[in-house]
């Protein structure tokens, strides 16, 4: 199964993870979408954008109209959200539309009082 992990991590954690991956640590291998803070994650992956990603998960290439039909939203609004996700590199453009190339989304972050 092709899984992506969406996480919140500091720059120090990212650098440590990258160094471990370069040294061959298999625990750090995989696909990640990383945000530096909770606010960035929330802004980028708003509930409506998450609905789009959830709908596209495992769906292969989909046209913008098909995504809009599946989420029962206006094509223009879905197009705007997909453009934002494209700019962030979360979805990709394909010959026949848009693709979210994962079969599963895993979330990995802790929400707690800031130090």
PDB file of N, CA and C in Angstrom:
ATOM      1  N   UNK A   1       0.841  -1.178   0.000  1.00  0.00           N
ATOM      2  CA  UNK A   1       0.000   0.000   0.000  1.00  0.00           C
ATOM      3  C   UNK A   1       0.885   1.241   0.000  1.00  0.00           C
ATOM      4  N   UNK A   2       0.546   2.198  -0.806  1.00  0.00           N
ATOM      5  CA  UNK A   2       1.295   3.437  -0.948  1.00  0.00           C
ATOM      6  C   UNK A   2       0.745   4.451   0.055  1.00  0.00           C
ATOM      7  N   UNK A   3       1.488   4.676   1.138  1.00  0.00           N
ATOM      8  CA  UNK A   3       1.027   5.520   2.241  1.00  0.00           C
ATOM      9  C   UNK A   3       1.851   6.805   2.318  1.00  0.00           C
ATOM     10  N   UNK A   4       1.185   7.909   2.618  1.00  0.00           N
ATOM     11  CA  UNK A   4       1.865   9.164   2.903  1.00  0.00           C
ATOM     12  C   UNK A   4       1.585   9.519   4.362  1.00  0.00           C
ATOM     13  N   UNK A   5       2.614  10.032   5.024  1.00  0.00           N
ATOM     14  CA  UNK A   5       2.462  10.485   6.402  1.00  0.00           C
ATOM     15  C   UNK A   5       2.479  12.004   6.408  1.00  0.00           C
ATOM     16  N   UNK A   6       1.432  12.589   6.960  1.00  0.00           N
ATOM     17  CA  UNK A   6       1.358  14.034   7.130  1.00  0.00           C
ATOM     18  C   UNK A   6       1.745  14.312   8.573  1.00  0.00           C
ATOM     19  N   UNK A   7       2.748  15.172   8.745  1.00  0.00           N
ATOM     20  CA  UNK A   7       3.267  15.398  10.088  1.00  0.00           C
ATOM     21  C   UNK A   7       3.623  16.855  10.321  1.00  0.00           C
ATOM     22  N   UNK A   8       3.805  17.174  11.598  1.00  0.00           N
ATOM     23  CA  UNK A   8       4.326  18.464  12.031  1.00  0.00           C
ATOM     24  C   UNK A   8       5.679  18.167  12.669  1.00  0.00           C
ATOM     25  N   UNK A   9       6.723  18.847  12.207  1.00  0.00           N
ATOM     26  CA  UNK A   9       8.062  18.619  12.735  1.00  0.00           C
ATOM     27  C   UNK A   9       8.868  19.915  12.654  1.00  0.00           C
ATOM     28  N   UNK A  10       9.792  20.084  13.570  1.00  0.00           N
ATOM     29  CA  UNK A  10      10.652  21.265  13.568  1.00  0.00           C
ATOM     30  C   UNK A  10      11.743  21.103  12.509  1.00  0.00           C
ATOM     31  N   UNK A  11      12.418  22.203  12.202  1.00  0.00           N
ATOM     32  CA  UNK A  11      13.527  22.134  11.255  1.00  0.00           C
ATOM     33  C   UNK A  11      14.623  21.203  11.771  1.00  0.00           C
ATOM     34  N   UNK A  12      14.869  21.229  13.078  1.00  0.00           N
ATOM     35  CA  UNK A  12      15.877  20.336  13.664  1.00  0.00           C
ATOM     36  C   UNK A  12      15.497  18.872  13.456  1.00  0.00           C
ATOM     37  N   UNK A  13      14.204  18.539  13.678  1.00  0.00           N
ATOM     38  CA  UNK A  13      13.743  17.165  13.466  1.00  0.00           C
ATOM     39  C   UNK A  13      13.893  16.755  12.006  1.00  0.00           C
ATOM     40  N   UNK A  14      13.556  17.673  11.104  1.00  0.00           N
ATOM     41  CA  UNK A  14      13.678  17.375   9.674  1.00  0.00           C
ATOM     42  C   UNK A  14      15.127  17.115   9.287  1.00  0.00           C
ATOM     43  N   UNK A  15      16.029  17.938   9.805  1.00  0.00           N
ATOM     44  CA  UNK A  15      17.443  17.754   9.496  1.00  0.00           C
ATOM     45  C   UNK A  15      17.943  16.416  10.043  1.00  0.00           C
ATOM     46  N   UNK A  16      17.540  16.079  11.266  1.00  0.00           N
ATOM     47  CA  UNK A  16      17.926  14.804  11.867  1.00  0.00           C
ATOM     48  C   UNK A  16      17.380  13.637  11.039  1.00  0.00           C
ATOM     49  N   UNK A  17      16.108  13.735  10.633  1.00  0.00           N
ATOM     50  CA  UNK A  17      15.496  12.686   9.805  1.00  0.00           C
ATOM     51  C   UNK A  17      16.223  12.532   8.474  1.00  0.00           C
ATOM     52  N   UNK A  18      16.607  13.655   7.872  1.00  0.00           N
ATOM     53  CA  UNK A  18      17.299  13.606   6.595  1.00  0.00           C
ATOM     54  C   UNK A  18      18.668  12.943   6.756  1.00  0.00           C
ATOM     55  N   UNK A  19      19.378  13.289   7.821  1.00  0.00           N
ATOM     56  CA  UNK A  19      20.684  12.673   8.062  1.00  0.00           C
ATOM     57  C   UNK A  19      20.550  11.171   8.286  1.00  0.00           C
ATOM     58  N   UNK A  20      19.537  10.754   9.045  1.00  0.00           N
ATOM     59  CA  UNK A  20      19.306   9.330   9.279  1.00  0.00           C
ATOM     60  C   UNK A  20      18.971   8.601   7.982  1.00  0.00           C
ATOM     61  N   UNK A  21      18.143   9.244   7.143  1.00  0.00           N
ATOM     62  CA  UNK A  21      17.766   8.631   5.867  1.00  0.00           C
ATOM     63  C   UNK A  21      18.986   8.487   4.961  1.00  0.00           C
ATOM     64  N   UNK A  22      19.851   9.495   4.954  1.00  0.00           N
ATOM     65  CA  UNK A  22      21.056   9.437   4.135  1.00  0.00           C
ATOM     66  C   UNK A  22      22.011   8.349   4.616  1.00  0.00           C
ATOM     67  N   UNK A  23      21.928   8.016   5.902  1.00  0.00           N
ATOM     68  CA  UNK A  23      22.775   6.956   6.461  1.00  0.00           C
ATOM     69  C   UNK A  23      22.131   5.580   6.309  1.00  0.00           C
ATOM     70  N   UNK A  24      20.950   5.543   5.697  1.00  0.00           N
ATOM     71  CA  UNK A  24      20.306   4.264   5.415  1.00  0.00           C
ATOM     72  C   UNK A  24      19.347   3.777   6.478  1.00  0.00           C
ATOM     73  N   UNK A  25      18.934   4.637   7.407  1.00  0.00           N
ATOM     74  CA  UNK A  25      17.968   4.252   8.434  1.00  0.00           C
ATOM     75  C   UNK A  25      16.613   4.024   7.785  1.00  0.00           C
ATOM     76  N   UNK A  26      16.183   2.785   7.696  1.00  0.00           N
ATOM     77  CA  UNK A  26      14.943   2.432   7.007  1.00  0.00           C
ATOM     78  C   UNK A  26      13.700   2.938   7.734  1.00  0.00           C
ATOM     79  N   UNK A  27      13.798   3.255   9.022  1.00  0.00           N
ATOM     80  CA  UNK A  27      12.629   3.754   9.759  1.00  0.00           C
ATOM     81  C   UNK A  27      12.161   5.096   9.214  1.00  0.00           C
ATOM     82  N   UNK A  28      13.050   5.863   8.637  1.00  0.00           N
ATOM     83  CA  UNK A  28      12.691   7.188   8.149  1.00  0.00           C
ATOM     84  C   UNK A  28      12.297   7.189   6.679  1.00  0.00           C
ATOM     85  N   UNK A  29      12.343   6.029   6.033  1.00  0.00           N
ATOM     86  CA  UNK A  29      11.982   5.986   4.631  1.00  0.00           C
ATOM     87  C   UNK A  29      10.473   6.018   4.480  1.00  0.00           C
ATOM     88  N   UNK A  30      10.028   6.511   3.354  1.00  0.00           N
ATOM     89  CA  UNK A  30       8.605   6.610   3.078  1.00  0.00           C
ATOM     90  C   UNK A  30       8.285   7.972   2.504  1.00  0.00           C
ATOM     91  N   UNK A  31       7.021   8.228   2.321  1.00  0.00           N
ATOM     92  CA  UNK A  31       6.565   9.507   1.783  1.00  0.00           C
ATOM     93  C   UNK A  31       6.011  10.359   2.912  1.00  0.00           C
ATOM     94  N   UNK A  32       6.449  11.598   2.952  1.00  0.00           N
ATOM     95  CA  UNK A  32       6.028  12.515   4.007  1.00  0.00           C
ATOM     96  C   UNK A  32       5.593  13.844   3.420  1.00  0.00           C
ATOM     97  N   UNK A  33       4.589  14.420   4.026  1.00  0.00           N
ATOM     98  CA  UNK A  33       4.223  15.817   3.811  1.00  0.00           C
ATOM     99  C   UNK A  33       4.404  16.442   5.179  1.00  0.00           C
ATOM    100  N   UNK A  34       5.377  17.345   5.293  1.00  0.00           N
ATOM    101  CA  UNK A  34       5.753  17.875   6.597  1.00  0.00           C
ATOM    102  C   UNK A  34       5.458  19.363   6.689  1.00  0.00           C
ATOM    103  N   UNK A  35       4.895  19.746   7.803  1.00  0.00           N
ATOM    104  CA  UNK A  35       4.627  21.145   8.114  1.00  0.00           C
ATOM    105  C   UNK A  35       5.455  21.526   9.329  1.00  0.00           C
ATOM    106  N   UNK A  36       5.871  22.780   9.387  1.00  0.00           N
ATOM    107  CA  UNK A  36       6.715  23.219  10.496  1.00  0.00           C
ATOM    108  C   UNK A  36       5.923  23.572  11.743  1.00  0.00           C
ATOM    109  N   UNK A  37       4.626  23.770  11.585  1.00  0.00           N
ATOM    110  CA  UNK A  37       3.791  24.056  12.755  1.00  0.00           C
ATOM    111  C   UNK A  37       2.336  23.702  12.452  1.00  0.00           C
ATOM    112  N   UNK A  38       1.574  23.594  13.517  1.00  0.00           N
ATOM    113  CA  UNK A  38       0.163  23.225  13.431  1.00  0.00           C
ATOM    114  C   UNK A  38      -0.621  24.224  12.593  1.00  0.00           C
ATOM    115  N   UNK A  39      -0.319  25.519  12.744  1.00  0.00           N
ATOM    116  CA  UNK A  39      -1.056  26.558  12.015  1.00  0.00           C
ATOM    117  C   UNK A  39      -0.884  26.399  10.504  1.00  0.00           C
ATOM    118  N   UNK A  40       0.325  26.080  10.060  1.00  0.00           N
ATOM    119  CA  UNK A  40       0.565  25.877   8.625  1.00  0.00           C
ATOM    120  C   UNK A  40      -0.207  24.671   8.105  1.00  0.00           C
ATOM    121  N   UNK A  41      -0.219  23.609   8.895  1.00  0.00           N
ATOM    122  CA  UNK A  41      -0.971  22.418   8.492  1.00  0.00           C
ATOM    123  C   UNK A  41      -2.448  22.759   8.362  1.00  0.00           C
ATOM    124  N   UNK A  42      -2.996  23.426   9.363  1.00  0.00           N
ATOM    125  CA  UNK A  42      -4.415  23.758   9.373  1.00  0.00           C
ATOM    126  C   UNK A  42      -4.774  24.684   8.208  1.00  0.00           C
ATOM    127  N   UNK A  43      -3.909  25.670   7.931  1.00  0.00           N
ATOM    128  CA  UNK A  43      -4.184  26.614   6.848  1.00  0.00           C
ATOM    129  C   UNK A  43      -4.128  25.910   5.485  1.00  0.00           C
ATOM    130  N   UNK A  44      -3.136  25.063   5.308  1.00  0.00           N
ATOM    131  CA  UNK A  44      -2.956  24.383   4.028  1.00  0.00           C
ATOM    132  C   UNK A  44      -3.984  23.286   3.815  1.00  0.00           C
ATOM    133  N   UNK A  45      -4.263  22.527   4.864  1.00  0.00           N
ATOM    134  CA  UNK A  45      -5.179  21.390   4.751  1.00  0.00           C
ATOM    135  C   UNK A  45      -6.474  21.688   5.507  1.00  0.00           C
ATOM    136  N   UNK A  46      -7.157  22.706   5.043  1.00  0.00           N
ATOM    137  CA  UNK A  46      -8.451  23.064   5.627  1.00  0.00           C
ATOM    138  C   UNK A  46      -9.414  21.881   5.479  1.00  0.00           C
ATOM    139  N   UNK A  47     -10.508  21.878   6.214  1.00  0.00           N
ATOM    140  CA  UNK A  47     -11.455  20.759   6.103  1.00  0.00           C
ATOM    141  C   UNK A  47     -11.908  20.465   4.669  1.00  0.00           C
ATOM    142  N   UNK A  48     -12.148  21.490   3.873  1.00  0.00           N
ATOM    143  CA  UNK A  48     -12.600  21.244   2.495  1.00  0.00           C
ATOM    144  C   UNK A  48     -11.484  20.671   1.631  1.00  0.00           C
ATOM    145  N   UNK A  49     -10.250  21.104   1.862  1.00  0.00           N
ATOM    146  CA  UNK A  49      -9.130  20.532   1.114  1.00  0.00           C
ATOM    147  C   UNK A  49      -8.877  19.095   1.566  1.00  0.00           C
ATOM    148  N   UNK A  50      -9.033  18.825   2.842  1.00  0.00           N
ATOM    149  CA  UNK A  50      -8.892  17.454   3.333  1.00  0.00           C
ATOM    150  C   UNK A  50      -9.975  16.559   2.740  1.00  0.00           C
ATOM    151  N   UNK A  51     -11.180  17.087   2.576  1.00  0.00           N
ATOM    152  CA  UNK A  51     -12.246  16.316   1.940  1.00  0.00           C
ATOM    153  C   UNK A  51     -11.840  15.940   0.511  1.00  0.00           C
ATOM    154  N   UNK A  52     -11.222  16.875  -0.184  1.00  0.00           N
ATOM    155  CA  UNK A  52     -10.743  16.605  -1.539  1.00  0.00           C
ATOM    156  C   UNK A  52      -9.682  15.504  -1.507  1.00  0.00           C
ATOM    157  N   UNK A  53      -8.694  15.627  -0.608  1.00  0.00           N
ATOM    158  CA  UNK A  53      -7.643  14.607  -0.532  1.00  0.00           C
ATOM    159  C   UNK A  53      -8.210  13.249  -0.161  1.00  0.00           C
ATOM    160  N   UNK A  54      -9.134  13.234   0.782  1.00  0.00           N
ATOM    161  CA  UNK A  54      -9.760  11.973   1.188  1.00  0.00           C
ATOM    162  C   UNK A  54     -10.458  11.323  -0.006  1.00  0.00           C
ATOM    163  N   UNK A  55     -11.148  12.126  -0.775  1.00  0.00           N
ATOM    164  CA  UNK A  55     -11.868  11.634  -1.948  1.00  0.00           C
ATOM    165  C   UNK A  55     -10.907  11.136  -3.026  1.00  0.00           C
ATOM    166  N   UNK A  56      -9.764  11.801  -3.169  1.00  0.00           N
ATOM    167  CA  UNK A  56      -8.806  11.436  -4.202  1.00  0.00           C
ATOM    168  C   UNK A  56      -7.911  10.261  -3.793  1.00  0.00           C
ATOM    169  N   UNK A  57      -7.838   9.955  -2.505  1.00  0.00           N
ATOM    170  CA  UNK A  57      -6.964   8.885  -2.020  1.00  0.00           C
ATOM    171  C   UNK A  57      -7.330   7.558  -2.683  1.00  0.00           C
ATOM    172  N   UNK A  58      -6.365   6.987  -3.371  1.00  0.00           N
ATOM    173  CA  UNK A  58      -6.578   5.711  -4.058  1.00  0.00           C
ATOM    174  C   UNK A  58      -7.401   5.822  -5.323  1.00  0.00           C
ATOM    175  N   UNK A  59      -7.725   7.032  -5.747  1.00  0.00           N
ATOM    176  CA  UNK A  59      -8.616   7.219  -6.887  1.00  0.00           C
ATOM    177  C   UNK A  59      -7.944   7.345  -8.237  1.00  0.00           C
ATOM    178  N   UNK A  60      -6.619   7.405  -8.251  1.00  0.00           N
ATOM    179  CA  UNK A  60      -5.926   7.567  -9.526  1.00  0.00           C
ATOM    180  C   UNK A  60      -6.114   8.969 -10.090  1.00  0.00           C
ATOM    181  N   UNK A  61      -5.960   9.081 -11.396  1.00  0.00           N
ATOM    182  CA  UNK A  61      -6.115  10.382 -12.049  1.00  0.00           C
ATOM    183  C   UNK A  61      -7.591  10.760 -12.116  1.00  0.00           C
ATOM    184  N   UNK A  62      -7.894  11.979 -11.704  1.00  0.00           N
ATOM    185  CA  UNK A  62      -9.274  12.461 -11.737  1.00  0.00           C
ATOM    186  C   UNK A  62      -9.313  13.856 -12.345  1.00  0.00           C
ATOM    187  N   UNK A  63     -10.361  14.123 -13.109  1.00  0.00           N
ATOM    188  CA  UNK A  63     -10.550  15.478 -13.624  1.00  0.00           C
ATOM    189  C   UNK A  63     -11.060  16.361 -12.474  1.00  0.00           C
ATOM    190  N   UNK A  64     -10.883  17.639 -12.632  1.00  0.00           N
ATOM    191  CA  UNK A  64     -11.370  18.576 -11.615  1.00  0.00           C
ATOM    192  C   UNK A  64     -12.883  18.457 -11.494  1.00  0.00           C
ATOM    193  N   UNK A  65     -13.558  18.295 -12.606  1.00  0.00           N
ATOM    194  CA  UNK A  65     -15.020  18.132 -12.566  1.00  0.00           C
ATOM    195  C   UNK A  65     -15.428  16.879 -11.793  1.00  0.00           C
ATOM    196  N   UNK A  66     -14.679  15.795 -11.969  1.00  0.00           N
ATOM    197  CA  UNK A  66     -14.995  14.554 -11.259  1.00  0.00           C
ATOM    198  C   UNK A  66     -14.760  14.719  -9.753  1.00  0.00           C
ATOM    199  N   UNK A  67     -13.689  15.398  -9.386  1.00  0.00           N
ATOM    200  CA  UNK A  67     -13.442  15.652  -7.958  1.00  0.00           C
ATOM    201  C   UNK A  67     -14.587  16.481  -7.392  1.00  0.00           C
ATOM    202  N   UNK A  68     -14.982  17.525  -8.108  1.00  0.00           N
ATOM    203  CA  UNK A  68     -16.082  18.379  -7.654  1.00  0.00           C
ATOM    204  C   UNK A  68     -17.375  17.574  -7.503  1.00  0.00           C
ATOM    205  N   UNK A  69     -17.639  16.688  -8.453  1.00  0.00           N
ATOM    206  CA  UNK A  69     -18.847  15.855  -8.369  1.00  0.00           C
ATOM    207  C   UNK A  69     -18.796  14.964  -7.134  1.00  0.00           C
ATOM    208  N   UNK A  70     -17.642  14.366  -6.894  1.00  0.00           N
ATOM    209  CA  UNK A  70     -17.514  13.444  -5.758  1.00  0.00           C
ATOM    210  C   UNK A  70     -17.622  14.140  -4.394  1.00  0.00           C
ATOM    211  N   UNK A  71     -17.135  15.370  -4.315  1.00  0.00           N
ATOM    212  CA  UNK A  71     -17.222  16.085  -3.027  1.00  0.00           C
ATOM    213  C   UNK A  71     -18.477  16.953  -2.949  1.00  0.00           C
ATOM    214  N   UNK A  72     -19.266  16.955  -4.028  1.00  0.00           N
ATOM    215  CA  UNK A  72     -20.534  17.700  -4.087  1.00  0.00           C
ATOM    216  C   UNK A  72     -20.327  19.188  -3.817  1.00  0.00           C
ATOM    217  N   UNK A  73     -19.340  19.750  -4.568  1.00  0.00           N
ATOM    218  CA  UNK A  73     -19.032  21.171  -4.460  1.00  0.00           C
ATOM    219  C   UNK A  73     -18.937  21.778  -5.852  1.00  0.00           C
ATOM    220  N   UNK A  74     -18.976  23.081  -5.904  1.00  0.00           N
ATOM    221  CA  UNK A  74     -18.852  23.852  -7.134  1.00  0.00           C
ATOM    222  C   UNK A  74     -17.484  23.616  -7.773  1.00  0.00           C
ATOM    223  N   UNK A  75     -17.450  23.452  -9.088  1.00  0.00           N
ATOM    224  CA  UNK A  75     -16.209  23.176  -9.814  1.00  0.00           C
ATOM    225  C   UNK A  75     -15.188  24.291  -9.587  1.00  0.00           C
ATOM    226  N   UNK A  76     -15.626  25.543  -9.620  1.00  0.00           N
ATOM    227  CA  UNK A  76     -14.694  26.664  -9.454  1.00  0.00           C
ATOM    228  C   UNK A  76     -14.044  26.635  -8.069  1.00  0.00           C
ATOM    229  N   UNK A  77     -14.805  26.342  -7.033  1.00  0.00           N
ATOM    230  CA  UNK A  77     -14.254  26.287  -5.683  1.00  0.00           C
ATOM    231  C   UNK A  77     -13.265  25.130  -5.536  1.00  0.00           C
ATOM    232  N   UNK A  78     -13.600  23.979  -6.115  1.00  0.00           N
ATOM    233  CA  UNK A  78     -12.706  22.823  -6.071  1.00  0.00           C
ATOM    234  C   UNK A  78     -11.446  23.134  -6.870  1.00  0.00           C
ATOM    235  N   UNK A  79     -11.588  23.787  -8.011  1.00  0.00           N
ATOM    236  CA  UNK A  79     -10.428  24.180  -8.819  1.00  0.00           C
ATOM    237  C   UNK A  79      -9.489  25.066  -7.999  1.00  0.00           C
ATOM    238  N   UNK A  80     -10.038  26.032  -7.281  1.00  0.00           N
ATOM    239  CA  UNK A  80      -9.232  26.924  -6.441  1.00  0.00           C
ATOM    240  C   UNK A  80      -8.479  26.136  -5.373  1.00  0.00           C
ATOM    241  N   UNK A  81      -9.170  25.215  -4.707  1.00  0.00           N
ATOM    242  CA  UNK A  81      -8.528  24.403  -3.674  1.00  0.00           C
ATOM    243  C   UNK A  81      -7.449  23.499  -4.272  1.00  0.00           C
ATOM    244  N   UNK A  82      -7.719  22.910  -5.430  1.00  0.00           N
ATOM    245  CA  UNK A  82      -6.731  22.047  -6.072  1.00  0.00           C
ATOM    246  C   UNK A  82      -5.511  22.836  -6.524  1.00  0.00           C
ATOM    247  N   UNK A  83      -5.714  24.062  -6.979  1.00  0.00           N
ATOM    248  CA  UNK A  83      -4.578  24.903  -7.364  1.00  0.00           C
ATOM    249  C   UNK A  83      -3.685  25.181  -6.159  1.00  0.00           C
ATOM    250  N   UNK A  84      -4.287  25.423  -5.001  1.00  0.00           N
ATOM    251  CA  UNK A  84      -3.507  25.645  -3.767  1.00  0.00           C
ATOM    252  C   UNK A  84      -2.729  24.382  -3.404  1.00  0.00           C
ATOM    253  N   UNK A  85      -3.365  23.214  -3.523  1.00  0.00           N
ATOM    254  CA  UNK A  85      -2.692  21.952  -3.212  1.00  0.00           C
ATOM    255  C   UNK A  85      -1.582  21.654  -4.231  1.00  0.00           C
ATOM    256  N   UNK A  86      -1.784  22.036  -5.484  1.00  0.00           N
ATOM    257  CA  UNK A  86      -0.742  21.887  -6.507  1.00  0.00           C
ATOM    258  C   UNK A  86       0.466  22.763  -6.186  1.00  0.00           C
ATOM    259  N   UNK A  87       0.214  24.018  -5.803  1.00  0.00           N
ATOM    260  CA  UNK A  87       1.311  24.938  -5.477  1.00  0.00           C
ATOM    261  C   UNK A  87       2.144  24.423  -4.308  1.00  0.00           C
ATOM    262  N   UNK A  88       1.509  23.733  -3.375  1.00  0.00           N
ATOM    263  CA  UNK A  88       2.219  23.170  -2.211  1.00  0.00           C
ATOM    264  C   UNK A  88       2.891  21.848  -2.533  1.00  0.00           C
ATOM    265  N   UNK A  89       2.605  21.281  -3.691  1.00  0.00           N
ATOM    266  CA  UNK A  89       3.201  20.008  -4.064  1.00  0.00           C
ATOM    267  C   UNK A  89       2.512  18.802  -3.444  1.00  0.00           C
ATOM    268  N   UNK A  90       1.303  18.977  -2.947  1.00  0.00           N
ATOM    269  CA  UNK A  90       0.579  17.882  -2.298  1.00  0.00           C
ATOM    270  C   UNK A  90      -0.123  16.999  -3.324  1.00  0.00           C
ATOM    271  N   UNK A  91      -0.627  17.591  -4.391  1.00  0.00           N
ATOM    272  CA  UNK A  91      -1.198  16.829  -5.502  1.00  0.00           C
ATOM    273  C   UNK A  91      -0.366  17.154  -6.742  1.00  0.00           C
ATOM    274  N   UNK A  92      -0.486  16.317  -7.754  1.00  0.00           N
ATOM    275  CA  UNK A  92       0.264  16.504  -8.995  1.00  0.00           C
ATOM    276  C   UNK A  92      -0.689  16.642 -10.171  1.00  0.00           C
ATOM    277  N   UNK A  93      -0.236  17.359 -11.181  1.00  0.00           N
ATOM    278  CA  UNK A  93      -0.996  17.473 -12.423  1.00  0.00           C
ATOM    279  C   UNK A  93      -0.621  16.289 -13.308  1.00  0.00           C
ATOM    280  N   UNK A  94      -1.618  15.732 -13.967  1.00  0.00           N
ATOM    281  CA  UNK A  94      -1.390  14.604 -14.859  1.00  0.00           C
ATOM    282  C   UNK A  94      -1.985  14.932 -16.227  1.00  0.00           C
ATOM    283  N   UNK A  95      -1.816  14.018 -17.150  1.00  0.00           N
ATOM    284  CA  UNK A  95      -2.353  14.250 -18.493  1.00  0.00           C
ATOM    285  C   UNK A  95      -3.864  14.436 -18.498  1.00  0.00           C
ATOM    286  N   UNK A  96      -4.546  13.696 -17.638  1.00  0.00           N
ATOM    287  CA  UNK A  96      -6.007  13.716 -17.668  1.00  0.00           C
ATOM    288  C   UNK A  96      -6.628  14.430 -16.477  1.00  0.00           C
ATOM    289  N   UNK A  97      -5.829  15.132 -15.700  1.00  0.00           N
ATOM    290  CA  UNK A  97      -6.389  15.868 -14.574  1.00  0.00           C
ATOM    291  C   UNK A  97      -5.400  16.017 -13.446  1.00  0.00           C
ATOM    292  N   UNK A  98      -5.833  15.604 -12.271  1.00  0.00           N
ATOM    293  CA  UNK A  98      -5.060  15.763 -11.045  1.00  0.00           C
ATOM    294  C   UNK A  98      -4.919  14.396 -10.393  1.00  0.00           C
ATOM    295  N   UNK A  99      -3.789  14.180  -9.714  1.00  0.00           N
ATOM    296  CA  UNK A  99      -3.592  12.906  -9.034  1.00  0.00           C
ATOM    297  C   UNK A  99      -3.022  13.138  -7.637  1.00  0.00           C
ATOM    298  N   UNK A 100      -3.559  12.423  -6.681  1.00  0.00           N
ATOM    299  CA  UNK A 100      -2.992  12.312  -5.340  1.00  0.00           C
ATOM    300  C   UNK A 100      -2.508  10.868  -5.285  1.00  0.00           C
ATOM    301  N   UNK A 101      -1.206  10.654  -5.421  1.00  0.00           N
ATOM    302  CA  UNK A 101      -0.697   9.312  -5.715  1.00  0.00           C
ATOM    303  C   UNK A 101      -0.584   8.361  -4.519  1.00  0.00           C
ATOM    304  N   UNK A 102      -1.474   8.488  -3.574  1.00  0.00           N
ATOM    305  CA  UNK A 102      -1.390   7.652  -2.377  1.00  0.00           C
ATOM    306  C   UNK A 102      -2.709   6.905  -2.153  1.00  0.00           C
ATOM    307  N   UNK A 103      -2.573   5.727  -1.545  1.00  0.00           N
ATOM    308  CA  UNK A 103      -3.733   4.893  -1.225  1.00  0.00           C
ATOM    309  C   UNK A 103      -4.186   5.086   0.215  1.00  0.00           C
ATOM    310  N   UNK A 104      -3.342   5.750   0.998  1.00  0.00           N
ATOM    311  CA  UNK A 104      -3.643   5.878   2.420  1.00  0.00           C
ATOM    312  C   UNK A 104      -2.922   7.111   2.969  1.00  0.00           C
ATOM    313  N   UNK A 105      -3.577   7.799   3.908  1.00  0.00           N
ATOM    314  CA  UNK A 105      -2.987   8.956   4.587  1.00  0.00           C
ATOM    315  C   UNK A 105      -2.861   8.609   6.066  1.00  0.00           C
ATOM    316  N   UNK A 106      -1.666   8.824   6.604  1.00  0.00           N
ATOM    317  CA  UNK A 106      -1.418   8.629   8.029  1.00  0.00           C
ATOM    318  C   UNK A 106      -1.034   9.989   8.607  1.00  0.00           C
ATOM    319  N   UNK A 107      -1.608  10.353   9.746  1.00  0.00           N
ATOM    320  CA  UNK A 107      -1.259  11.608  10.404  1.00  0.00           C
ATOM    321  C   UNK A 107      -0.372  11.322  11.602  1.00  0.00           C
ATOM    322  N   UNK A 108       0.681  12.121  11.754  1.00  0.00           N
ATOM    323  CA  UNK A 108       1.621  11.931  12.843  1.00  0.00           C
ATOM    324  C   UNK A 108       2.008  13.288  13.425  1.00  0.00           C
ATOM    325  N   UNK A 109       1.294  13.699  14.467  1.00  0.00           N
ATOM    326  CA  UNK A 109       1.655  14.931  15.171  1.00  0.00           C
ATOM    327  C   UNK A 109       1.005  14.921  16.546  1.00  0.00           C
ATOM    328  N   UNK A 110       1.585  15.721  17.411  1.00  0.00           N
ATOM    329  CA  UNK A 110       1.077  15.844  18.778  1.00  0.00           C
ATOM    330  C   UNK A 110       0.630  17.291  18.967  1.00  0.00           C
ATOM    331  N   UNK A 111      -0.539  17.474  19.536  1.00  0.00           N
ATOM    332  CA  UNK A 111      -1.033  18.800  19.841  1.00  0.00           C
ATOM    333  C   UNK A 111      -0.981  18.963  21.350  1.00  0.00           C
ATOM    334  N   UNK A 112      -0.269  19.962  21.795  1.00  0.00           N
ATOM    335  CA  UNK A 112      -0.144  20.194  23.232  1.00  0.00           C
ATOM    336  C   UNK A 112       0.265  21.623  23.501  1.00  0.00           C
ATOM    337  N   UNK A 113       0.427  21.933  24.738  1.00  0.00           N
ATOM    338  CA  UNK A 113       0.826  23.272  25.145  1.00  0.00           C
ATOM    339  C   UNK A 113       2.231  23.564  24.653  1.00  0.00           C
ATOM    340  N   UNK A 114       2.407  24.736  24.024  1.00  0.00           N
ATOM    341  CA  UNK A 114       3.720  25.123  23.519  1.00  0.00           C
ATOM    342  C   UNK A 114       4.653  25.420  24.681  1.00  0.00           C
ATOM    343  N   UNK A 115       5.911  25.095  24.513  1.00  0.00           N
ATOM    344  CA  UNK A 115       6.906  25.323  25.564  1.00  0.00           C
ATOM    345  C   UNK A 115       7.325  26.763  25.644  1.00  0.00           C
TER     346      UNK A 115
END
